[in-house]
C-alpha atoms as a PDB file:
ATOM      1  CA  UNK A   1     -88.311-140.979   5.919  1.00  0.00           C
ATOM      2  CA  UNK A   2     -88.394-138.794   2.730  1.00  0.00           C
ATOM      3  CA  UNK A   3     -90.530-135.838   4.789  1.00  0.00           C
ATOM      4  CA  UNK A   4     -86.987-135.721   6.909  1.00  0.00           C
ATOM      5  CA  UNK A   5     -84.558-136.328   4.394  1.00  0.00           C
ATOM      6  CA  UNK A   6     -86.156-133.544   2.751  1.00  0.00           C
ATOM      7  CA  UNK A   7     -86.104-131.060   6.125  1.00  0.00           C
ATOM      8  CA  UNK A   8     -82.056-131.893   6.729  1.00  0.00           C
ATOM      9  CA  UNK A   9     -81.302-131.236   3.160  1.00  0.00           C
ATOM     10  CA  UNK A  10     -83.119-128.116   3.817  1.00  0.00           C
ATOM     11  CA  UNK A  11     -81.763-127.068   6.795  1.00  0.00           C
ATOM     12  CA  UNK A  12     -78.427-127.610   5.659  1.00  0.00           C
ATOM     13  CA  UNK A  13     -79.063-125.098   2.646  1.00  0.00           C
ATOM     14  CA  UNK A  14     -80.179-122.774   5.256  1.00  0.00           C
ATOM     15  CA  UNK A  15     -76.891-123.149   7.057  1.00  0.00           C
ATOM     16  CA  UNK A  16     -74.918-122.517   4.055  1.00  0.00           C
ATOM     17  CA  UNK A  17     -76.555-119.308   2.871  1.00  0.00           C
ATOM     18  CA  UNK A  18     -76.051-117.987   6.256  1.00  0.00           C
ATOM     19  CA  UNK A  19     -72.305-119.185   6.430  1.00  0.00           C
ATOM     20  CA  UNK A  20     -71.856-117.695   2.483  1.00  0.00           C
ATOM     21  CA  UNK A  21     -73.477-114.441   3.792  1.00  0.00           C
ATOM     22  CA  UNK A  22     -71.238-113.989   7.071  1.00  0.00           C
ATOM     23  CA  UNK A  23     -68.457-114.476   5.051  1.00  0.00           C
ATOM     24  CA  UNK A  24     -69.204-112.094   2.046  1.00  0.00           C
ATOM     25  CA  UNK A  25     -69.888-109.770   4.852  1.00  0.00           C
ATOM     26  CA  UNK A  26     -66.068-110.300   6.750  1.00  0.00           C
ATOM     27  CA  UNK A  27     -64.838-109.453   4.093  1.00  0.00           C
ATOM     28  CA  UNK A  28     -66.499-106.709   2.988  1.00  0.00           C
ATOM     29  CA  UNK A  29     -65.794-105.433   6.488  1.00  0.00           C
ATOM     30  CA  UNK A  30     -62.158-106.605   5.924  1.00  0.00           C
ATOM     31  CA  UNK A  31     -61.752-104.337   2.980  1.00  0.00           C
ATOM     32  CA  UNK A  32     -63.521-101.370   4.522  1.00  0.00           C
ATOM     33  CA  UNK A  33     -61.155-101.741   7.631  1.00  0.00           C
ATOM     34  CA  UNK A  34     -57.952-102.249   4.700  1.00  0.00           C
ATOM     35  CA  UNK A  35     -59.298 -98.726   2.689  1.00  0.00           C
ATOM     36  CA  UNK A  36     -56.974 -95.942   3.343  1.00  0.00           C
ATOM     37  CA  UNK A  37     -59.105 -92.546   3.673  1.00  0.00           C
ATOM     38  CA  UNK A  38     -57.647 -89.347   2.737  1.00  0.00           C
ATOM     39  CA  UNK A  39     -58.756 -85.691   3.058  1.00  0.00           C
ATOM     40  CA  UNK A  40     -57.678 -82.859   1.524  1.00  0.00           C
ATOM     41  CA  UNK A  41     -54.659 -81.079   4.110  1.00  0.00           C
ATOM     42  CA  UNK A  42     -56.403 -77.353   3.396  1.00  0.00           C
ATOM     43  CA  UNK A  43     -59.974 -78.834   4.318  1.00  0.00           C
ATOM     44  CA  UNK A  44     -58.545 -79.907   8.077  1.00  0.00           C
ATOM     45  CA  UNK A  45     -57.559 -77.840  10.500  1.00  0.00           C
ATOM     46  CA  UNK A  46     -55.285 -78.544  13.705  1.00  0.00           C
ATOM     47  CA  UNK A  47     -56.512 -78.040  17.480  1.00  0.00           C
ATOM     48  CA  UNK A  48     -54.986 -77.993  20.598  1.00  0.00           C
ATOM     49  CA  UNK A  49     -57.131 -79.411  23.951  1.00  0.00           C
ATOM     50  CA  UNK A  50     -57.385 -77.223  27.008  1.00  0.00           C
ATOM     51  CA  UNK A  51     -57.674 -79.821  29.496  1.00  0.00           C
ATOM     52  CA  UNK A  52     -58.410 -76.886  31.761  1.00  0.00           C
ATOM     53  CA  UNK A  53     -61.422 -75.240  30.287  1.00  0.00           C
ATOM     54  CA  UNK A  54     -61.826 -78.234  27.699  1.00  0.00           C
ATOM     55  CA  UNK A  55     -61.890 -76.234  25.117  1.00  0.00           C
ATOM     56  CA  UNK A  56     -60.361 -76.736  21.458  1.00  0.00           C
ATOM     57  CA  UNK A  57     -57.789 -73.817  20.522  1.00  0.00           C
ATOM     58  CA  UNK A  58     -57.082 -74.018  16.595  1.00  0.00           C
ATOM     59  CA  UNK A  59     -54.567 -71.681  16.005  1.00  0.00           C
ATOM     60  CA  UNK A  60     -55.744 -70.448  12.403  1.00  0.00           C
ATOM     61  CA  UNK A  61     -56.007 -66.755  12.061  1.00  0.00           C
ATOM     62  CA  UNK A  62     -58.324 -66.153   9.345  1.00  0.00           C
ATOM     63  CA  UNK A  63     -62.155 -66.629   9.347  1.00  0.00           C
ATOM     64  CA  UNK A  64     -62.721 -68.654   6.131  1.00  0.00           C
ATOM     65  CA  UNK A  65     -65.522 -70.737   5.879  1.00  0.00           C
ATOM     66  CA  UNK A  66     -69.148 -71.608   7.430  1.00  0.00           C
ATOM     67  CA  UNK A  67     -67.231 -73.205  10.673  1.00  0.00           C
ATOM     68  CA  UNK A  68     -65.974 -69.910  11.710  1.00  0.00           C
ATOM     69  CA  UNK A  69     -68.676 -68.123  11.153  1.00  0.00           C
ATOM     70  CA  UNK A  70     -71.272 -70.390  13.248  1.00  0.00           C
ATOM     71  CA  UNK A  71     -68.812 -71.593  15.623  1.00  0.00           C
ATOM     72  CA  UNK A  72     -66.273 -70.851  17.992  1.00  0.00           C
ATOM     73  CA  UNK A  73     -64.871 -67.455  19.409  1.00  0.00           C
ATOM     74  CA  UNK A  74     -62.023 -65.492  18.550  1.00  0.00           C
ATOM     75  CA  UNK A  75     -59.375 -65.071  21.296  1.00  0.00           C
ATOM     76  CA  UNK A  76     -55.565 -63.877  20.886  1.00  0.00           C
ATOM     77  CA  UNK A  77     -54.901 -67.443  20.499  1.00  0.00           C
ATOM     78  CA  UNK A  78     -56.654 -68.188  17.303  1.00  0.00           C
ATOM     79  CA  UNK A  79     -59.950 -69.816  17.283  1.00  0.00           C
ATOM     80  CA  UNK A  80     -61.468 -71.247  20.679  1.00  0.00           C
ATOM     81  CA  UNK A  81     -64.241 -73.919  19.835  1.00  0.00           C
ATOM     82  CA  UNK A  82     -66.753 -74.748  23.174  1.00  0.00           C
ATOM     83  CA  UNK A  83     -67.065 -78.979  23.578  1.00  0.00           C
ATOM     84  CA  UNK A  84     -70.093 -79.569  21.473  1.00  0.00           C
ATOM     85  CA  UNK A  85     -68.614 -77.844  18.690  1.00  0.00           C
ATOM     86  CA  UNK A  86     -64.673 -79.474  18.862  1.00  0.00           C
ATOM     87  CA  UNK A  87     -67.043 -82.838  18.966  1.00  0.00           C
ATOM     88  CA  UNK A  88     -69.126 -82.017  15.582  1.00  0.00           C
ATOM     89  CA  UNK A  89     -66.283 -80.742  13.893  1.00  0.00           C
ATOM     90  CA  UNK A  90     -64.339 -83.820  14.311  1.00  0.00           C
ATOM     91  CA  UNK A  91     -67.228 -86.140  13.591  1.00  0.00           C
ATOM     92  CA  UNK A  92     -67.657 -84.180  10.235  1.00  0.00           C
ATOM     93  CA  UNK A  93     -63.833 -84.770   9.842  1.00  0.00           C
ATOM     94  CA  UNK A  94     -62.542 -81.050   9.384  1.00  0.00           C
ATOM     95  CA  UNK A  95     -60.734 -80.904  12.672  1.00  0.00           C
ATOM     96  CA  UNK A  96     -57.950 -83.221  14.369  1.00  0.00           C
ATOM     97  CA  UNK A  97     -57.211 -82.426  18.016  1.00  0.00           C
ATOM     98  CA  UNK A  98     -54.278 -82.723  19.552  1.00  0.00           C
ATOM     99  CA  UNK A  99     -53.245 -82.915  23.113  1.00  0.00           C
ATOM    100  CA  UNK A 100     -50.142 -80.616  23.081  1.00  0.00           C
ATOM    101  CA  UNK A 101     -49.254 -78.760  20.474  1.00  0.00           C
ATOM    102  CA  UNK A 102     -45.729 -81.070  19.890  1.00  0.00           C
ATOM    103  CA  UNK A 103     -48.162 -84.227  18.981  1.00  0.00           C
ATOM    104  CA  UNK A 104     -47.923 -86.099  15.980  1.00  0.00           C
ATOM    105  CA  UNK A 105     -51.040 -88.151  16.306  1.00  0.00           C
ATOM    106  CA  UNK A 106     -54.157 -86.459  16.865  1.00  0.00           C
ATOM    107  CA  UNK A 107     -57.129 -87.978  19.400  1.00  0.00           C
ATOM    108  CA  UNK A 108     -59.961 -90.493  18.520  1.00  0.00           C
ATOM    109  CA  UNK A 109     -63.303 -89.831  18.979  1.00  0.00           C
ATOM    110  CA  UNK A 110     -63.780 -91.902  21.406  1.00  0.00           C
ATOM    111  CA  UNK A 111     -61.188 -90.184  23.692  1.00  0.00           C
ATOM    112  CA  UNK A 112     -62.923 -87.208  22.852  1.00  0.00           C
ATOM    113  CA  UNK A 113     -65.982 -88.265  23.805  1.00  0.00           C
ATOM    114  CA  UNK A 114     -64.409 -89.556  27.157  1.00  0.00           C
ATOM    115  CA  UNK A 115     -63.366 -85.942  27.977  1.00  0.00           C
ATOM    116  CA  UNK A 116     -65.888 -83.606  26.418  1.00  0.00           C
ATOM    117  CA  UNK A 117     -69.453 -85.199  27.328  1.00  0.00           C
ATOM    118  CA  UNK A 118     -68.942 -85.375  31.396  1.00  0.00           C
ATOM    119  CA  UNK A 119     -68.817 -81.365  31.305  1.00  0.00           C
ATOM    120  CA  UNK A 120     -71.953 -80.731  28.664  1.00  0.00           C
ATOM    121  CA  UNK A 121     -73.992 -84.111  29.262  1.00  0.00           C
ATOM    122  CA  UNK A 122     -74.788 -86.293  26.736  1.00  0.00           C
ATOM    123  CA  UNK A 123     -78.811 -84.751  26.272  1.00  0.00           C
ATOM    124  CA  UNK A 124     -77.091 -81.426  25.309  1.00  0.00           C
ATOM    125  CA  UNK A 125     -74.841 -82.247  22.451  1.00  0.00           C
ATOM    126  CA  UNK A 126     -78.060 -84.248  21.386  1.00  0.00           C
ATOM    127  CA  UNK A 127     -79.628 -81.742  20.830  1.00  0.00           C
ATOM    128  CA  UNK A 128     -76.735 -79.398  20.164  1.00  0.00           C
ATOM    129  CA  UNK A 129     -76.436 -81.482  17.121  1.00  0.00           C
ATOM    130  CA  UNK A 130     -79.882 -82.025  16.132  1.00  0.00           C
ATOM    131  CA  UNK A 131     -80.546 -78.148  15.468  1.00  0.00           C
ATOM    132  CA  UNK A 132     -77.220 -78.040  13.742  1.00  0.00           C
ATOM    133  CA  UNK A 133     -78.153 -80.478  11.470  1.00  0.00           C
ATOM    134  CA  UNK A 134     -81.325 -78.963  10.378  1.00  0.00           C
ATOM    135  CA  UNK A 135     -79.474 -76.113   9.377  1.00  0.00           C
ATOM    136  CA  UNK A 136     -79.731 -73.851  12.673  1.00  0.00           C
ATOM    137  CA  UNK A 137     -77.101 -72.143  14.309  1.00  0.00           C
ATOM    138  CA  UNK A 138     -76.948 -72.791  17.816  1.00  0.00           C
ATOM    139  CA  UNK A 139     -74.373 -70.963  20.170  1.00  0.00           C
ATOM    140  CA  UNK A 140     -74.300 -71.936  23.961  1.00  0.00           C
ATOM    141  CA  UNK A 141     -75.619 -69.172  26.318  1.00  0.00           C
ATOM    142  CA  UNK A 142     -73.828 -69.039  29.693  1.00  0.00           C
ATOM    143  CA  UNK A 143     -76.481 -68.441  32.526  1.00  0.00           C
ATOM    144  CA  UNK A 144     -75.628 -66.117  35.344  1.00  0.00           C
ATOM    145  CA  UNK A 145     -77.955 -67.300  37.779  1.00  0.00           C
ATOM    146  CA  UNK A 146     -76.581 -70.384  39.834  1.00  0.00           C
ATOM    147  CA  UNK A 147     -79.850 -72.068  40.430  1.00  0.00           C
ATOM    148  CA  UNK A 148     -79.956 -73.204  36.835  1.00  0.00           C
ATOM    149  CA  UNK A 149     -76.328 -75.038  37.138  1.00  0.00           C
ATOM    150  CA  UNK A 150     -78.280 -78.053  35.504  1.00  0.00           C
ATOM    151  CA  UNK A 151     -79.507 -76.185  32.642  1.00  0.00           C
ATOM    152  CA  UNK A 152     -77.826 -75.566  29.155  1.00  0.00           C
ATOM    153  CA  UNK A 153     -79.277 -72.901  27.135  1.00  0.00           C
ATOM    154  CA  UNK A 154     -78.792 -72.300  23.057  1.00  0.00           C
ATOM    155  CA  UNK A 155     -79.145 -69.630  21.301  1.00  0.00           C
ATOM    156  CA  UNK A 156     -80.876 -70.732  17.973  1.00  0.00           C
ATOM    157  CA  UNK A 157     -80.756 -68.824  14.615  1.00  0.00           C
ATOM    158  CA  UNK A 158     -82.276 -69.696  11.319  1.00  0.00           C
ATOM    159  CA  UNK A 159     -80.170 -69.933   8.361  1.00  0.00           C
ATOM    160  CA  UNK A 160     -79.422 -66.287   7.117  1.00  0.00           C
ATOM    161  CA  UNK A 161     -80.938 -65.062  10.127  1.00  0.00           C
ATOM    162  CA  UNK A 162     -79.104 -62.048  12.005  1.00  0.00           C
ATOM    163  CA  UNK A 163     -80.858 -61.823  15.419  1.00  0.00           C
ATOM    164  CA  UNK A 164     -81.735 -65.087  17.845  1.00  0.00           C
ATOM    165  CA  UNK A 165     -84.747 -66.563  16.710  1.00  0.00           C
ATOM    166  CA  UNK A 166     -85.301 -68.618  20.363  1.00  0.00           C
ATOM    167  CA  UNK A 167     -84.091 -70.254  23.033  1.00  0.00           C
ATOM    168  CA  UNK A 168     -83.872 -73.606  23.480  1.00  0.00           C
ATOM    169  CA  UNK A 169     -83.378 -74.780  27.531  1.00  0.00           C
ATOM    170  CA  UNK A 170     -81.837 -78.569  27.556  1.00  0.00           C
ATOM    171  CA  UNK A 171     -81.807 -79.659  31.162  1.00  0.00           C
ATOM    172  CA  UNK A 172     -79.513 -82.312  32.385  1.00  0.00           C
ATOM    173  CA  UNK A 173     -79.951 -85.888  33.451  1.00  0.00           C
ATOM    174  CA  UNK A 174     -84.254 -84.715  33.266  1.00  0.00           C
ATOM    175  CA  UNK A 175     -86.336 -87.679  32.932  1.00  0.00           C
ATOM    176  CA  UNK A 176     -89.733 -85.469  33.584  1.00  0.00           C
ATOM    177  CA  UNK A 177     -91.048 -81.944  32.687  1.00  0.00           C
ATOM    178  CA  UNK A 178     -89.255 -79.264  34.697  1.00  0.00           C
ATOM    179  CA  UNK A 179     -91.278 -77.788  37.101  1.00  0.00           C
ATOM    180  CA  UNK A 180     -93.172 -74.235  36.633  1.00  0.00           C
ATOM    181  CA  UNK A 181     -91.011 -72.246  38.740  1.00  0.00           C
ATOM    182  CA  UNK A 182     -87.583 -73.427  37.066  1.00  0.00           C
ATOM    183  CA  UNK A 183     -89.077 -72.598  33.683  1.00  0.00           C
ATOM    184  CA  UNK A 184     -90.288 -69.141  35.116  1.00  0.00           C
ATOM    185  CA  UNK A 185     -86.179 -68.764  36.020  1.00  0.00           C
ATOM    186  CA  UNK A 186     -85.108 -69.772  32.972  1.00  0.00           C
ATOM    187  CA  UNK A 187     -87.930 -67.464  30.943  1.00  0.00           C
ATOM    188  CA  UNK A 188     -86.139 -65.020  33.227  1.00  0.00           C
ATOM    189  CA  UNK A 189     -82.815 -65.836  32.363  1.00  0.00           C
ATOM    190  CA  UNK A 190     -83.088 -65.737  28.385  1.00  0.00           C
ATOM    191  CA  UNK A 191     -85.761 -62.495  28.167  1.00  0.00           C
ATOM    192  CA  UNK A 192     -88.303 -62.052  26.092  1.00  0.00           C
ATOM    193  CA  UNK A 193     -87.017 -64.908  23.220  1.00  0.00           C
ATOM    194  CA  UNK A 194     -89.431 -67.523  22.756  1.00  0.00           C
ATOM    195  CA  UNK A 195     -88.166 -70.575  24.376  1.00  0.00           C
ATOM    196  CA  UNK A 196     -88.922 -74.171  23.844  1.00  0.00           C
ATOM    197  CA  UNK A 197     -87.818 -77.305  26.060  1.00  0.00           C
ATOM    198  CA  UNK A 198     -85.613 -79.986  24.912  1.00  0.00           C
ATOM    199  CA  UNK A 199     -85.986 -83.188  26.419  1.00  0.00           C
ATOM    200  CA  UNK A 200     -84.194 -86.522  25.001  1.00  0.00           C
ATOM    201  CA  UNK A 201     -85.648 -90.114  25.184  1.00  0.00           C
ATOM    202  CA  UNK A 202     -83.541 -92.529  24.057  1.00  0.00           C
ATOM    203  CA  UNK A 203     -81.871 -90.487  21.654  1.00  0.00           C
ATOM    204  CA  UNK A 204     -85.055 -88.872  20.367  1.00  0.00           C
ATOM    205  CA  UNK A 205     -85.092 -85.129  20.567  1.00  0.00           C
ATOM    206  CA  UNK A 206     -88.688 -83.614  21.482  1.00  0.00           C
ATOM    207  CA  UNK A 207     -89.264 -79.828  21.524  1.00  0.00           C
ATOM    208  CA  UNK A 208     -91.692 -78.125  23.952  1.00  0.00           C
ATOM    209  CA  UNK A 209     -92.911 -74.710  22.662  1.00  0.00           C
ATOM    210  CA  UNK A 210     -94.049 -72.240  25.080  1.00  0.00           C
ATOM    211  CA  UNK A 211     -94.207 -69.202  23.174  1.00  0.00           C
ATOM    212  CA  UNK A 212     -98.320 -69.450  23.848  1.00  0.00           C
ATOM    213  CA  UNK A 213     -98.140 -69.810  27.342  1.00  0.00           C
ATOM    214  CA  UNK A 214     -99.303 -66.817  29.430  1.00  0.00           C
ATOM    215  CA  UNK A 215     -96.695 -66.893  32.196  1.00  0.00           C
ATOM    216  CA  UNK A 216     -97.054 -64.428  35.616  1.00  0.00           C
ATOM    217  CA  UNK A 217     -94.588 -61.448  35.600  1.00  0.00           C
ATOM    218  CA  UNK A 218     -90.596 -62.951  35.276  1.00  0.00           C
ATOM    219  CA  UNK A 219     -89.418 -59.980  36.871  1.00  0.00           C
ATOM    220  CA  UNK A 220     -91.340 -60.992  40.041  1.00  0.00           C
ATOM    221  CA  UNK A 221     -89.477 -64.503  40.354  1.00  0.00           C
ATOM    222  CA  UNK A 222     -86.863 -64.508  43.253  1.00  0.00           C
END
């Protein structure tokens, strides 16, 4: 009987501890939700979503800060950010994207993901973010070969470097390593710069370097 009472009291104490922990966690969560986050206006810039091209146009004319030097393309309208660039800037909290120029409420990050990710693939965006957060400057390289429509290539530079150091190829929904024929086509498209193949598995990004592999002459690939 004594053992049964002791075990019952132990279970009661454990339930009370778990209940108190849950109450504290909910209280902290509620306080965080009520907290008002403020950003300095000069550190945030406004962009308008172009649904046709899935790019974001920022009307700011002056190129100040690393954002405009490493991302975006200057145009007559201002700066135009590609989907992956706009998403990352929104995650950093320095860009607000609006559906229309007259809108007063910016799009939430979830809506932006819904609009942007289908046109670039989640794997490509994960590789892009991984490189940028490591300090590299990464820009998308457009491929002319129509047979590589499922492949995205990033031109990557090391910090303070003016020339491209290597290219990274990302294949959409690629569960296995690409064939040699496909790799040779990518090599032909990017030129002699070092090529790396990026593979994403359960959110983990792995890079495979092809710098030391002796390929046949890429010019012979049809």
